[in-house]
């Protein structure tokens, strides 16, 4: 089992209103310089938010959701502090409702 951590908000907030692209590019550059494998992903409308586990969280997002998903809890904590108006969560996968954490739609 793998534990995934995430920040979630509307796609518009994460991709237009906040400089998330800049943050992710800088992190990718740092990982490349340090020969570290990528452990974070930007997902638009991830299927795992449609599970009963995250029904309350998804209801708080005003439009199509997007998430930054990672196996690095410290990175998600950093994003929460940097972006402020995002929801956070975590889950283990695979589980009864989530087989593929990267599935969208």
C-alpha atoms as a PDB file:
ATOM      1  CA  UNK A   1       0.000   0.000   0.000  1.00  0.00           C
ATOM      2  CA  UNK A   2       1.143   3.501  -0.809  1.00  0.00           C
ATOM      3  CA  UNK A   3      -0.009   6.585   1.072  1.00  0.00           C
ATOM      4  CA  UNK A   4      -0.841   9.558  -1.122  1.00  0.00           C
ATOM      5  CA  UNK A   5      -1.253  13.109   0.118  1.00  0.00           C
ATOM      6  CA  UNK A   6      -2.911  15.917  -1.809  1.00  0.00           C
ATOM      7  CA  UNK A   7      -4.060  19.504  -1.963  1.00  0.00           C
ATOM      8  CA  UNK A   8      -7.311  20.116  -3.818  1.00  0.00           C
ATOM      9  CA  UNK A   9      -9.072  23.192  -5.160  1.00  0.00           C
ATOM     10  CA  UNK A  10     -10.858  24.258  -8.291  1.00  0.00           C
ATOM     11  CA  UNK A  11      -8.865  23.752 -11.466  1.00  0.00           C
ATOM     12  CA  UNK A  12      -9.100  27.472 -12.174  1.00  0.00           C
ATOM     13  CA  UNK A  13      -7.663  28.368  -8.770  1.00  0.00           C
ATOM     14  CA  UNK A  14      -4.727  25.971  -9.049  1.00  0.00           C
ATOM     15  CA  UNK A  15      -3.859  26.548 -12.696  1.00  0.00           C
ATOM     16  CA  UNK A  16      -4.791  30.193 -13.326  1.00  0.00           C
ATOM     17  CA  UNK A  17      -5.054  32.179 -10.093  1.00  0.00           C
ATOM     18  CA  UNK A  18      -2.039  30.722  -8.271  1.00  0.00           C
ATOM     19  CA  UNK A  19       1.560  30.426  -9.521  1.00  0.00           C
ATOM     20  CA  UNK A  20       1.440  26.636  -9.130  1.00  0.00           C
ATOM     21  CA  UNK A  21       3.123  26.081 -12.491  1.00  0.00           C
ATOM     22  CA  UNK A  22       6.161  28.004 -11.259  1.00  0.00           C
ATOM     23  CA  UNK A  23       6.315  25.984  -8.031  1.00  0.00           C
ATOM     24  CA  UNK A  24       6.073  22.642  -9.858  1.00  0.00           C
ATOM     25  CA  UNK A  25       8.690  23.622 -12.468  1.00  0.00           C
ATOM     26  CA  UNK A  26      11.132  24.655  -9.736  1.00  0.00           C
ATOM     27  CA  UNK A  27      10.567  21.400  -7.883  1.00  0.00           C
ATOM     28  CA  UNK A  28      11.077  19.393 -11.089  1.00  0.00           C
ATOM     29  CA  UNK A  29      14.329  21.263 -11.741  1.00  0.00           C
ATOM     30  CA  UNK A  30      15.508  20.520  -8.204  1.00  0.00           C
ATOM     31  CA  UNK A  31      14.616  16.826  -8.535  1.00  0.00           C
ATOM     32  CA  UNK A  32      16.479  16.575 -11.838  1.00  0.00           C
ATOM     33  CA  UNK A  33      19.602  18.206 -10.365  1.00  0.00           C
ATOM     34  CA  UNK A  34      19.508  15.779  -7.451  1.00  0.00           C
ATOM     35  CA  UNK A  35      18.643  12.698  -9.543  1.00  0.00           C
ATOM     36  CA  UNK A  36      15.444  12.241  -7.576  1.00  0.00           C
ATOM     37  CA  UNK A  37      12.409  10.483  -9.024  1.00  0.00           C
ATOM     38  CA  UNK A  38       9.269  12.614  -9.463  1.00  0.00           C
ATOM     39  CA  UNK A  39       6.800  11.940  -6.624  1.00  0.00           C
ATOM     40  CA  UNK A  40       4.128  14.553  -7.379  1.00  0.00           C
ATOM     41  CA  UNK A  41       1.506  14.971 -10.087  1.00  0.00           C
ATOM     42  CA  UNK A  42      -1.082  17.593 -11.097  1.00  0.00           C
ATOM     43  CA  UNK A  43      -4.389  15.863 -11.850  1.00  0.00           C
ATOM     44  CA  UNK A  44      -7.462  17.569 -13.250  1.00  0.00           C
ATOM     45  CA  UNK A  45     -10.772  16.079 -12.108  1.00  0.00           C
ATOM     46  CA  UNK A  46      -9.293  13.015 -10.351  1.00  0.00           C
ATOM     47  CA  UNK A  47     -11.664  10.096  -9.920  1.00  0.00           C
ATOM     48  CA  UNK A  48     -10.659   9.451  -6.306  1.00  0.00           C
ATOM     49  CA  UNK A  49     -12.472  12.656  -5.267  1.00  0.00           C
ATOM     50  CA  UNK A  50     -15.725  11.017  -6.382  1.00  0.00           C
ATOM     51  CA  UNK A  51     -15.499   8.335  -3.703  1.00  0.00           C
ATOM     52  CA  UNK A  52     -17.596   8.430  -0.543  1.00  0.00           C
ATOM     53  CA  UNK A  53     -14.417   9.076   1.452  1.00  0.00           C
ATOM     54  CA  UNK A  54     -14.054  12.511  -0.169  1.00  0.00           C
ATOM     55  CA  UNK A  55     -17.691  13.480  -0.833  1.00  0.00           C
ATOM     56  CA  UNK A  56     -17.646  16.307   1.748  1.00  0.00           C
ATOM     57  CA  UNK A  57     -14.360  17.671   0.455  1.00  0.00           C
ATOM     58  CA  UNK A  58     -15.481  17.618  -3.188  1.00  0.00           C
ATOM     59  CA  UNK A  59     -18.702  19.418  -2.264  1.00  0.00           C
ATOM     60  CA  UNK A  60     -16.601  22.352  -1.009  1.00  0.00           C
ATOM     61  CA  UNK A  61     -14.837  22.825  -4.356  1.00  0.00           C
ATOM     62  CA  UNK A  62     -16.893  25.276  -6.454  1.00  0.00           C
ATOM     63  CA  UNK A  63     -16.166  23.858  -9.918  1.00  0.00           C
ATOM     64  CA  UNK A  64     -14.101  21.197 -11.665  1.00  0.00           C
ATOM     65  CA  UNK A  65     -11.501  20.079  -9.118  1.00  0.00           C
ATOM     66  CA  UNK A  66      -7.784  19.642  -9.548  1.00  0.00           C
ATOM     67  CA  UNK A  67      -5.233  18.213  -7.145  1.00  0.00           C
ATOM     68  CA  UNK A  68      -1.521  18.009  -6.620  1.00  0.00           C
ATOM     69  CA  UNK A  69      -0.979  14.427  -5.550  1.00  0.00           C
ATOM     70  CA  UNK A  70       2.250  13.287  -3.910  1.00  0.00           C
ATOM     71  CA  UNK A  71       3.798  10.604  -1.779  1.00  0.00           C
ATOM     72  CA  UNK A  72       5.737  13.356   0.026  1.00  0.00           C
ATOM     73  CA  UNK A  73       3.709  14.693   2.954  1.00  0.00           C
ATOM     74  CA  UNK A  74       6.150  17.577   3.553  1.00  0.00           C
ATOM     75  CA  UNK A  75       5.652  18.861   0.003  1.00  0.00           C
ATOM     76  CA  UNK A  76       1.874  18.830   0.399  1.00  0.00           C
ATOM     77  CA  UNK A  77       2.205  20.649   3.741  1.00  0.00           C
ATOM     78  CA  UNK A  78       4.368  23.247   1.989  1.00  0.00           C
ATOM     79  CA  UNK A  79       1.745  23.666  -0.759  1.00  0.00           C
ATOM     80  CA  UNK A  80      -1.029  24.050   1.811  1.00  0.00           C
ATOM     81  CA  UNK A  81       0.900  26.849   3.520  1.00  0.00           C
ATOM     82  CA  UNK A  82       1.869  28.476   0.206  1.00  0.00           C
ATOM     83  CA  UNK A  83      -1.532  28.295  -1.482  1.00  0.00           C
ATOM     84  CA  UNK A  84      -3.710  28.758   1.644  1.00  0.00           C
ATOM     85  CA  UNK A  85      -7.167  28.297   0.103  1.00  0.00           C
ATOM     86  CA  UNK A  86      -6.890  24.599  -0.658  1.00  0.00           C
ATOM     87  CA  UNK A  87      -8.214  21.475   0.985  1.00  0.00           C
ATOM     88  CA  UNK A  88      -5.847  18.710   2.025  1.00  0.00           C
ATOM     89  CA  UNK A  89      -6.325  14.994   2.334  1.00  0.00           C
ATOM     90  CA  UNK A  90      -4.666  11.632   2.185  1.00  0.00           C
ATOM     91  CA  UNK A  91      -5.499   8.040   1.371  1.00  0.00           C
ATOM     92  CA  UNK A  92      -3.878   4.651   1.030  1.00  0.00           C
ATOM     93  CA  UNK A  93      -4.064   2.883  -2.270  1.00  0.00           C
ATOM     94  CA  UNK A  94      -5.182   0.455  -3.421  1.00  0.00           C
ATOM     95  CA  UNK A  95      -8.302   0.274  -1.292  1.00  0.00           C
ATOM     96  CA  UNK A  96     -11.935  -0.751  -1.751  1.00  0.00           C
ATOM     97  CA  UNK A  97     -12.854   2.470  -3.587  1.00  0.00           C
ATOM     98  CA  UNK A  98      -9.576   3.637  -5.111  1.00  0.00           C
ATOM     99  CA  UNK A  99      -7.681   1.213  -7.325  1.00  0.00           C
ATOM    100  CA  UNK A 100      -5.810   3.756  -9.484  1.00  0.00           C
ATOM    101  CA  UNK A 101      -4.957   7.107  -7.820  1.00  0.00           C
ATOM    102  CA  UNK A 102      -4.125   8.667 -11.215  1.00  0.00           C
ATOM    103  CA  UNK A 103      -7.455   7.921 -12.914  1.00  0.00           C
ATOM    104  CA  UNK A 104      -9.290  11.051 -14.040  1.00  0.00           C
ATOM    105  CA  UNK A 105     -12.811  11.666 -15.179  1.00  0.00           C
END
